[in-house]
PDB file of N, CA and C in Angstrom:
ATOM      1  N   LYS A   1      50.094  49.308 -41.763  1.00  0.00           N
ATOM      2  CA  LYS A   1      48.863  49.466 -41.015  1.00  0.00           C
ATOM      3  C   LYS A   1      48.442  48.172 -40.330  1.00  0.00           C
ATOM      4  N   GLY A   2      49.204  47.122 -40.485  1.00  0.00           N
ATOM      5  CA  GLY A   2      48.874  45.884 -39.806  1.00  0.00           C
ATOM      6  C   GLY A   2      47.743  45.114 -40.443  1.00  0.00           C
ATOM      7  N   ARG A   3      47.568  45.221 -41.755  1.00  0.00           N
ATOM      8  CA  ARG A   3      46.487  44.490 -42.411  1.00  0.00           C
ATOM      9  C   ARG A   3      46.801  43.002 -42.446  1.00  0.00           C
ATOM     10  N   GLY A   4      45.790  42.198 -42.189  1.00  0.00           N
ATOM     11  CA  GLY A   4      45.949  40.755 -42.333  1.00  0.00           C
ATOM     12  C   GLY A   4      46.575  40.064 -41.147  1.00  0.00           C
ATOM     13  N   LEU A   5      46.907  40.791 -40.087  1.00  0.00           N
ATOM     14  CA  LEU A   5      47.506  40.150 -38.930  1.00  0.00           C
ATOM     15  C   LEU A   5      46.427  39.859 -37.899  1.00  0.00           C
ATOM     16  N   GLY A   6      46.451  38.647 -37.352  1.00  0.00           N
ATOM     17  CA  GLY A   6      45.469  38.295 -36.341  1.00  0.00           C
ATOM     18  C   GLY A   6      45.826  38.929 -35.007  1.00  0.00           C
ATOM     19  N   THR A   7      45.027  39.864 -34.534  1.00  0.00           N
ATOM     20  CA  THR A   7      45.297  40.542 -33.269  1.00  0.00           C
ATOM     21  C   THR A   7      44.568  39.882 -32.116  1.00  0.00           C
ATOM     22  N   GLY A   8      43.711  38.912 -32.405  1.00  0.00           N
ATOM     23  CA  GLY A   8      42.963  38.251 -31.355  1.00  0.00           C
ATOM     24  C   GLY A   8      41.571  38.830 -31.164  1.00  0.00           C
ATOM     25  N   ARG A   9      41.243  39.925 -31.856  1.00  0.00           N
ATOM     26  CA  ARG A   9      39.918  40.523 -31.677  1.00  0.00           C
ATOM     27  C   ARG A   9      39.052  40.372 -32.914  1.00  0.00           C
ATOM     28  N   GLY A  10      39.636  40.592 -34.064  1.00  0.00           N
ATOM     29  CA  GLY A  10      38.841  40.570 -35.289  1.00  0.00           C
ATOM     30  C   GLY A  10      38.949  39.251 -36.010  1.00  0.00           C
ATOM     31  N   LYS A  11      38.288  39.167 -37.129  1.00  0.00           N
ATOM     32  CA  LYS A  11      38.365  37.973 -37.957  1.00  0.00           C
ATOM     33  C   LYS A  11      39.338  38.262 -39.080  1.00  0.00           C
ATOM     34  N   GLY A  12      40.503  37.661 -39.002  1.00  0.00           N
ATOM     35  CA  GLY A  12      41.539  37.894 -39.993  1.00  0.00           C
ATOM     36  C   GLY A  12      41.298  37.066 -41.238  1.00  0.00           C
ATOM     37  N   PRO A  13      42.292  36.985 -42.095  1.00  0.00           N
ATOM     38  CA  PRO A  13      42.162  36.192 -43.314  1.00  0.00           C
ATOM     39  C   PRO A  13      42.049  34.707 -42.999  1.00  0.00           C
ATOM     40  N   ILE A  14      41.563  33.941 -43.966  1.00  0.00           N
ATOM     41  CA  ILE A  14      41.370  32.505 -43.769  1.00  0.00           C
ATOM     42  C   ILE A  14      42.712  31.854 -43.469  1.00  0.00           C
ATOM     43  N   GLY A  15      42.725  31.000 -42.474  1.00  0.00           N
ATOM     44  CA  GLY A  15      43.923  30.275 -42.107  1.00  0.00           C
ATOM     45  C   GLY A  15      44.657  30.877 -40.933  1.00  0.00           C
ATOM     46  N   VAL A  16      44.445  32.157 -40.631  1.00  0.00           N
ATOM     47  CA  VAL A  16      45.111  32.790 -39.499  1.00  0.00           C
ATOM     48  C   VAL A  16      44.220  32.615 -38.271  1.00  0.00           C
ATOM     49  N   PRO A  17      44.722  31.924 -37.224  1.00  0.00           N
ATOM     50  CA  PRO A  17      43.872  31.703 -36.059  1.00  0.00           C
ATOM     51  C   PRO A  17      43.591  33.003 -35.308  1.00  0.00           C
ATOM     52  N   TYR A  18      42.395  33.091 -34.722  1.00  0.00           N
ATOM     53  CA  TYR A  18      42.051  34.229 -33.886  1.00  0.00           C
ATOM     54  C   TYR A  18      41.293  33.713 -32.675  1.00  0.00           C
ATOM     55  N   LYS A  19      41.299  34.481 -31.603  1.00  0.00           N
ATOM     56  CA  LYS A  19      40.665  34.061 -30.358  1.00  0.00           C
ATOM     57  C   LYS A  19      39.150  34.202 -30.440  1.00  0.00           C
ATOM     58  N   SER A  20      38.467  33.231 -29.863  1.00  0.00           N
ATOM     59  CA  SER A  20      37.010  33.263 -29.808  1.00  0.00           C
ATOM     60  C   SER A  20      36.558  34.317 -28.803  1.00  0.00           C
ATOM     61  N   LYS A  21      35.372  34.870 -29.016  1.00  0.00           N
ATOM     62  CA  LYS A  21      34.805  35.809 -28.047  1.00  0.00           C
ATOM     63  C   LYS A  21      34.181  35.055 -26.874  1.00  0.00           C
ATOM     64  N   ARG A  22      33.793  33.818 -27.116  1.00  0.00           N
ATOM     65  CA  ARG A  22      33.087  33.029 -26.113  1.00  0.00           C
ATOM     66  C   ARG A  22      34.065  32.171 -25.315  1.00  0.00           C
ATOM     67  N   ARG A  23      33.849  32.107 -24.010  1.00  0.00           N
ATOM     68  CA  ARG A  23      34.675  31.268 -23.148  1.00  0.00           C
ATOM     69  C   ARG A  23      34.157  29.841 -23.175  1.00  0.00           C
ATOM     70  N   ILE A  24      35.060  28.883 -23.176  1.00  0.00           N
ATOM     71  CA  ILE A  24      34.685  27.470 -23.156  1.00  0.00           C
ATOM     72  C   ILE A  24      35.401  26.813 -21.989  1.00  0.00           C
ATOM     73  N   CYS A  25      34.693  25.966 -21.254  1.00  0.00           N
ATOM     74  CA  CYS A  25      35.305  25.194 -20.178  1.00  0.00           C
ATOM     75  C   CYS A  25      35.448  23.753 -20.660  1.00  0.00           C
ATOM     76  N   TYR A  26      36.677  23.273 -20.683  1.00  0.00           N
ATOM     77  CA  TYR A  26      36.960  21.912 -21.114  1.00  0.00           C
ATOM     78  C   TYR A  26      36.963  21.019 -19.888  1.00  0.00           C
ATOM     79  N   LYS A  27      36.165  19.948 -19.917  1.00  0.00           N
ATOM     80  CA  LYS A  27      36.108  19.022 -18.794  1.00  0.00           C
ATOM     81  C   LYS A  27      36.931  17.791 -19.135  1.00  0.00           C
ATOM     82  N   SER A  28      37.832  17.418 -18.246  1.00  0.00           N
ATOM     83  CA  SER A  28      38.655  16.239 -18.467  1.00  0.00           C
ATOM     84  C   SER A  28      37.886  15.000 -18.018  1.00  0.00           C
ATOM     85  N   PRO A  29      37.690  14.019 -18.917  1.00  0.00           N
ATOM     86  CA  PRO A  29      36.918  12.834 -18.531  1.00  0.00           C
ATOM     87  C   PRO A  29      37.643  11.942 -17.529  1.00  0.00           C
ATOM     88  N   THR A  30      38.974  12.005 -17.485  1.00  0.00           N
ATOM     89  CA  THR A  30      39.721  11.110 -16.603  1.00  0.00           C
ATOM     90  C   THR A  30      39.923  11.710 -15.217  1.00  0.00           C
ATOM     91  N   SER A  31      40.401  12.968 -15.143  1.00  0.00           N
ATOM     92  CA  SER A  31      40.688  13.561 -13.838  1.00  0.00           C
ATOM     93  C   SER A  31      39.520  14.367 -13.294  1.00  0.00           C
ATOM     94  N   GLY A  32      38.592  14.782 -14.157  1.00  0.00           N
ATOM     95  CA  GLY A  32      37.451  15.571 -13.712  1.00  0.00           C
ATOM     96  C   GLY A  32      37.752  17.046 -13.536  1.00  0.00           C
ATOM     97  N   ARG A  33      38.980  17.469 -13.861  1.00  0.00           N
ATOM     98  CA  ARG A  33      39.331  18.883 -13.720  1.00  0.00           C
ATOM     99  C   ARG A  33      38.743  19.688 -14.870  1.00  0.00           C
ATOM    100  N   VAL A  34      38.549  20.971 -14.632  1.00  0.00           N
ATOM    101  CA  VAL A  34      37.964  21.860 -15.636  1.00  0.00           C
ATOM    102  C   VAL A  34      38.970  22.947 -15.969  1.00  0.00           C
ATOM    103  N   ARG A  35      39.212  23.159 -17.259  1.00  0.00           N
ATOM    104  CA  ARG A  35      40.076  24.244 -17.731  1.00  0.00           C
ATOM    105  C   ARG A  35      39.199  25.194 -18.531  1.00  0.00           C
ATOM    106  N   CYS A  36      39.231  26.465 -18.189  1.00  0.00           N
ATOM    107  CA  CYS A  36      38.430  27.455 -18.904  1.00  0.00           C
ATOM    108  C   CYS A  36      39.337  28.369 -19.714  1.00  0.00           C
ATOM    109  N   GLY A  37      38.850  28.811 -20.844  1.00  0.00           N
ATOM    110  CA  GLY A  37      39.622  29.730 -21.671  1.00  0.00           C
ATOM    111  C   GLY A  37      38.909  30.040 -22.970  1.00  0.00           C
ATOM    112  N   ARG A  38      39.539  30.910 -23.753  1.00  0.00           N
ATOM    113  CA  ARG A  38      38.999  31.286 -25.058  1.00  0.00           C
ATOM    114  C   ARG A  38      39.814  30.575 -26.125  1.00  0.00           C
ATOM    115  N   PRO A  39      39.216  29.638 -26.854  1.00  0.00           N
ATOM    116  CA  PRO A  39      39.986  28.864 -27.824  1.00  0.00           C
ATOM    117  C   PRO A  39      40.342  29.667 -29.071  1.00  0.00           C
ATOM    118  N   SER A  40      41.416  29.264 -29.726  1.00  0.00           N
ATOM    119  CA  SER A  40      41.781  29.850 -31.015  1.00  0.00           C
ATOM    120  C   SER A  40      40.954  29.180 -32.096  1.00  0.00           C
ATOM    121  N   ILE A  41      40.396  29.979 -32.992  1.00  0.00           N
ATOM    122  CA  ILE A  41      39.604  29.444 -34.093  1.00  0.00           C
ATOM    123  C   ILE A  41      40.484  29.416 -35.333  1.00  0.00           C
ATOM    124  N   HIS A  42      40.676  28.231 -35.876  1.00  0.00           N
ATOM    125  CA  HIS A  42      41.478  28.039 -37.078  1.00  0.00           C
ATOM    126  C   HIS A  42      40.540  27.857 -38.262  1.00  0.00           C
ATOM    127  N   ALA A  43      41.081  27.874 -39.453  1.00  0.00           N
ATOM    128  CA  ALA A  43      40.286  27.606 -40.654  1.00  0.00           C
ATOM    129  C   ALA A  43      41.068  26.659 -41.547  1.00  0.00           C
ATOM    130  N   SER A  44      40.370  25.664 -42.091  1.00  0.00           N
ATOM    131  CA  SER A  44      41.009  24.718 -43.001  1.00  0.00           C
ATOM    132  C   SER A  44      41.188  25.372 -44.368  1.00  0.00           C
ATOM    133  N   LYS A  45      41.835  24.667 -45.253  1.00  0.00           N
ATOM    134  CA  LYS A  45      42.063  25.212 -46.601  1.00  0.00           C
ATOM    135  C   LYS A  45      40.759  25.421 -47.358  1.00  0.00           C
ATOM    136  N   THR A  46      39.736  24.638 -47.002  1.00  0.00           N
ATOM    137  CA  THR A  46      38.436  24.802 -47.661  1.00  0.00           C
ATOM    138  C   THR A  46      37.605  25.908 -47.023  1.00  0.00           C
ATOM    139  N   GLY A  47      38.057  26.449 -45.884  1.00  0.00           N
ATOM    140  CA  GLY A  47      37.350  27.547 -45.237  1.00  0.00           C
ATOM    141  C   GLY A  47      36.508  27.149 -44.046  1.00  0.00           C
ATOM    142  N   ARG A  48      36.466  25.852 -43.710  1.00  0.00           N
ATOM    143  CA  ARG A  48      35.695  25.415 -42.541  1.00  0.00           C
ATOM    144  C   ARG A  48      36.442  25.792 -41.264  1.00  0.00           C
ATOM    145  N   LYS A  49      35.711  26.339 -40.287  1.00  0.00           N
ATOM    146  CA  LYS A  49      36.329  26.775 -39.040  1.00  0.00           C
ATOM    147  C   LYS A  49      36.338  25.635 -38.032  1.00  0.00           C
ATOM    148  N   TYR A  50      37.405  25.578 -37.210  1.00  0.00           N
ATOM    149  CA  TYR A  50      37.512  24.534 -36.201  1.00  0.00           C
ATOM    150  C   TYR A  50      38.349  25.026 -35.028  1.00  0.00           C
ATOM    151  N   ILE A  51      38.226  24.321 -33.888  1.00  0.00           N
ATOM    152  CA  ILE A  51      39.103  24.542 -32.750  1.00  0.00           C
ATOM    153  C   ILE A  51      39.814  23.228 -32.470  1.00  0.00           C
ATOM    154  N   MET A  52      40.961  23.303 -31.832  1.00  0.00           N
ATOM    155  CA  MET A  52      41.727  22.113 -31.494  1.00  0.00           C
ATOM    156  C   MET A  52      41.477  21.766 -30.029  1.00  0.00           C
ATOM    157  N   VAL A  53      41.203  20.492 -29.745  1.00  0.00           N
ATOM    158  CA  VAL A  53      41.000  20.032 -28.371  1.00  0.00           C
ATOM    159  C   VAL A  53      41.863  18.798 -28.136  1.00  0.00           C
ATOM    160  N   ARG A  54      42.109  18.513 -26.859  1.00  0.00           N
ATOM    161  CA  ARG A  54      42.908  17.342 -26.506  1.00  0.00           C
ATOM    162  C   ARG A  54      42.079  16.076 -26.628  1.00  0.00           C
ATOM    163  N   LYS A  55      42.745  15.001 -27.068  1.00  0.00           N
ATOM    164  CA  LYS A  55      42.079  13.705 -27.164  1.00  0.00           C
ATOM    165  C   LYS A  55      42.380  12.888 -25.916  1.00  0.00           C
ATOM    166  N   VAL A  56      41.475  11.983 -25.586  1.00  0.00           N
ATOM    167  CA  VAL A  56      41.739  11.034 -24.508  1.00  0.00           C
ATOM    168  C   VAL A  56      42.833  10.100 -24.999  1.00  0.00           C
ATOM    169  N   GLY A  57      43.867   9.927 -24.211  1.00  0.00           N
ATOM    170  CA  GLY A  57      44.977   9.082 -24.615  1.00  0.00           C
ATOM    171  C   GLY A  57      46.083   9.849 -25.311  1.00  0.00           C
ATOM    172  N   GLY A  58      45.966  11.160 -25.395  1.00  0.00           N
ATOM    173  CA  GLY A  58      47.020  11.989 -25.984  1.00  0.00           C
ATOM    174  C   GLY A  58      46.704  12.433 -27.395  1.00  0.00           C
ATOM    175  N   GLY A  59      47.329  13.515 -27.795  1.00  0.00           N
ATOM    176  CA  GLY A  59      47.127  14.054 -29.133  1.00  0.00           C
ATOM    177  C   GLY A  59      46.046  15.122 -29.152  1.00  0.00           C
ATOM    178  N   THR A  60      45.754  15.615 -30.341  1.00  0.00           N
ATOM    179  CA  THR A  60      44.725  16.639 -30.502  1.00  0.00           C
ATOM    180  C   THR A  60      43.780  16.241 -31.632  1.00  0.00           C
ATOM    181  N   LYS A  61      42.604  16.836 -31.615  1.00  0.00           N
ATOM    182  CA  LYS A  61      41.663  16.611 -32.709  1.00  0.00           C
ATOM    183  C   LYS A  61      40.965  17.925 -33.028  1.00  0.00           C
ATOM    184  N   ARG A  62      40.388  17.991 -34.207  1.00  0.00           N
ATOM    185  CA  ARG A  62      39.680  19.185 -34.655  1.00  0.00           C
ATOM    186  C   ARG A  62      38.195  19.039 -34.360  1.00  0.00           C
ATOM    187  N   LEU A  63      37.615  20.083 -33.764  1.00  0.00           N
ATOM    188  CA  LEU A  63      36.165  20.148 -33.614  1.00  0.00           C
ATOM    189  C   LEU A  63      35.688  21.226 -34.565  1.00  0.00           C
ATOM    190  N   TYR A  64      34.967  20.827 -35.595  1.00  0.00           N
ATOM    191  CA  TYR A  64      34.493  21.785 -36.597  1.00  0.00           C
ATOM    192  C   TYR A  64      33.264  22.521 -36.080  1.00  0.00           C
ATOM    193  N   LEU A  65      33.183  23.810 -36.359  1.00  0.00           N
ATOM    194  CA  LEU A  65      32.069  24.646 -35.924  1.00  0.00           C
ATOM    195  C   LEU A  65      30.966  24.620 -36.970  1.00  0.00           C
ATOM    196  N   ASN A  66      29.726  24.824 -36.514  1.00  0.00           N
ATOM    197  CA  ASN A  66      28.618  24.873 -37.467  1.00  0.00           C
ATOM    198  C   ASN A  66      28.509  26.280 -38.066  1.00  0.00           C
ATOM    199  N   LYS A  67      27.476  26.526 -38.852  1.00  0.00           N
ATOM    200  CA  LYS A  67      27.358  27.804 -39.567  1.00  0.00           C
ATOM    201  C   LYS A  67      27.207  28.992 -38.627  1.00  0.00           C
ATOM    202  N   GLN A  68      26.638  28.756 -37.432  1.00  0.00           N
ATOM    203  CA  GLN A  68      26.468  29.842 -36.471  1.00  0.00           C
ATOM    204  C   GLN A  68      27.743  30.117 -35.673  1.00  0.00           C
ATOM    205  N   GLY A  69      28.765  29.284 -35.863  1.00  0.00           N
ATOM    206  CA  GLY A  69      30.018  29.466 -35.138  1.00  0.00           C
ATOM    207  C   GLY A  69      30.064  28.738 -33.814  1.00  0.00           C
ATOM    208  N   ASN A  70      29.117  27.815 -33.588  1.00  0.00           N
ATOM    209  CA  ASN A  70      29.073  27.046 -32.348  1.00  0.00           C
ATOM    210  C   ASN A  70      29.581  25.633 -32.585  1.00  0.00           C
ATOM    211  N   ILE A  71      30.016  24.994 -31.494  1.00  0.00           N
ATOM    212  CA  ILE A  71      30.381  23.585 -31.563  1.00  0.00           C
ATOM    213  C   ILE A  71      29.075  22.792 -31.537  1.00  0.00           C
ATOM    214  N   PRO A  72      28.882  21.818 -32.426  1.00  0.00           N
ATOM    215  CA  PRO A  72      27.663  21.009 -32.371  1.00  0.00           C
ATOM    216  C   PRO A  72      27.510  20.340 -31.001  1.00  0.00           C
ATOM    217  N   LYS A  73      26.266  20.210 -30.525  1.00  0.00           N
ATOM    218  CA  LYS A  73      26.010  19.711 -29.169  1.00  0.00           C
ATOM    219  C   LYS A  73      26.621  18.338 -28.930  1.00  0.00           C
ATOM    220  N   LYS A  74      26.694  17.538 -29.971  1.00  0.00           N
ATOM    221  CA  LYS A  74      27.248  16.185 -29.838  1.00  0.00           C
ATOM    222  C   LYS A  74      28.703  16.215 -29.385  1.00  0.00           C
ATOM    223  N   TYR A  75      29.447  17.250 -29.769  1.00  0.00           N
ATOM    224  CA  TYR A  75      30.879  17.307 -29.493  1.00  0.00           C
ATOM    225  C   TYR A  75      31.260  18.343 -28.444  1.00  0.00           C
ATOM    226  N   ARG A  76      30.294  18.947 -27.748  1.00  0.00           N
ATOM    227  CA  ARG A  76      30.637  19.987 -26.770  1.00  0.00           C
ATOM    228  C   ARG A  76      31.391  19.399 -25.599  1.00  0.00           C
ATOM    229  N   PRO A  77      32.478  20.089 -25.190  1.00  0.00           N
ATOM    230  CA  PRO A  77      33.238  19.579 -24.029  1.00  0.00           C
ATOM    231  C   PRO A  77      32.494  19.818 -22.731  1.00  0.00           C
TER     232      PRO A  77
END
C-alpha cells in the first residue's frame, strides 16, 4: 500500500524528506539572481525539521524550522 514512502505531498516518517507546500525564492547575495522552488523538508535524528540551502563560498547548511514550520526571520533567504 506504499506506507512510509515520501510521495512529496504528505508528512512521512521522521527522516524521510518531503516537499514543502510553500514556495521559497532563494536570493543569491553575489549574483543577485533569484531561484524559486519548493524545498525538501528533512528531519534530524532528534526530530527537528530543516531545509538545506547553499552557503556563500560553496557547500550547504541546514536552516532549522520553528514550531510553526517557518524559517525564522533572521535566516530567511
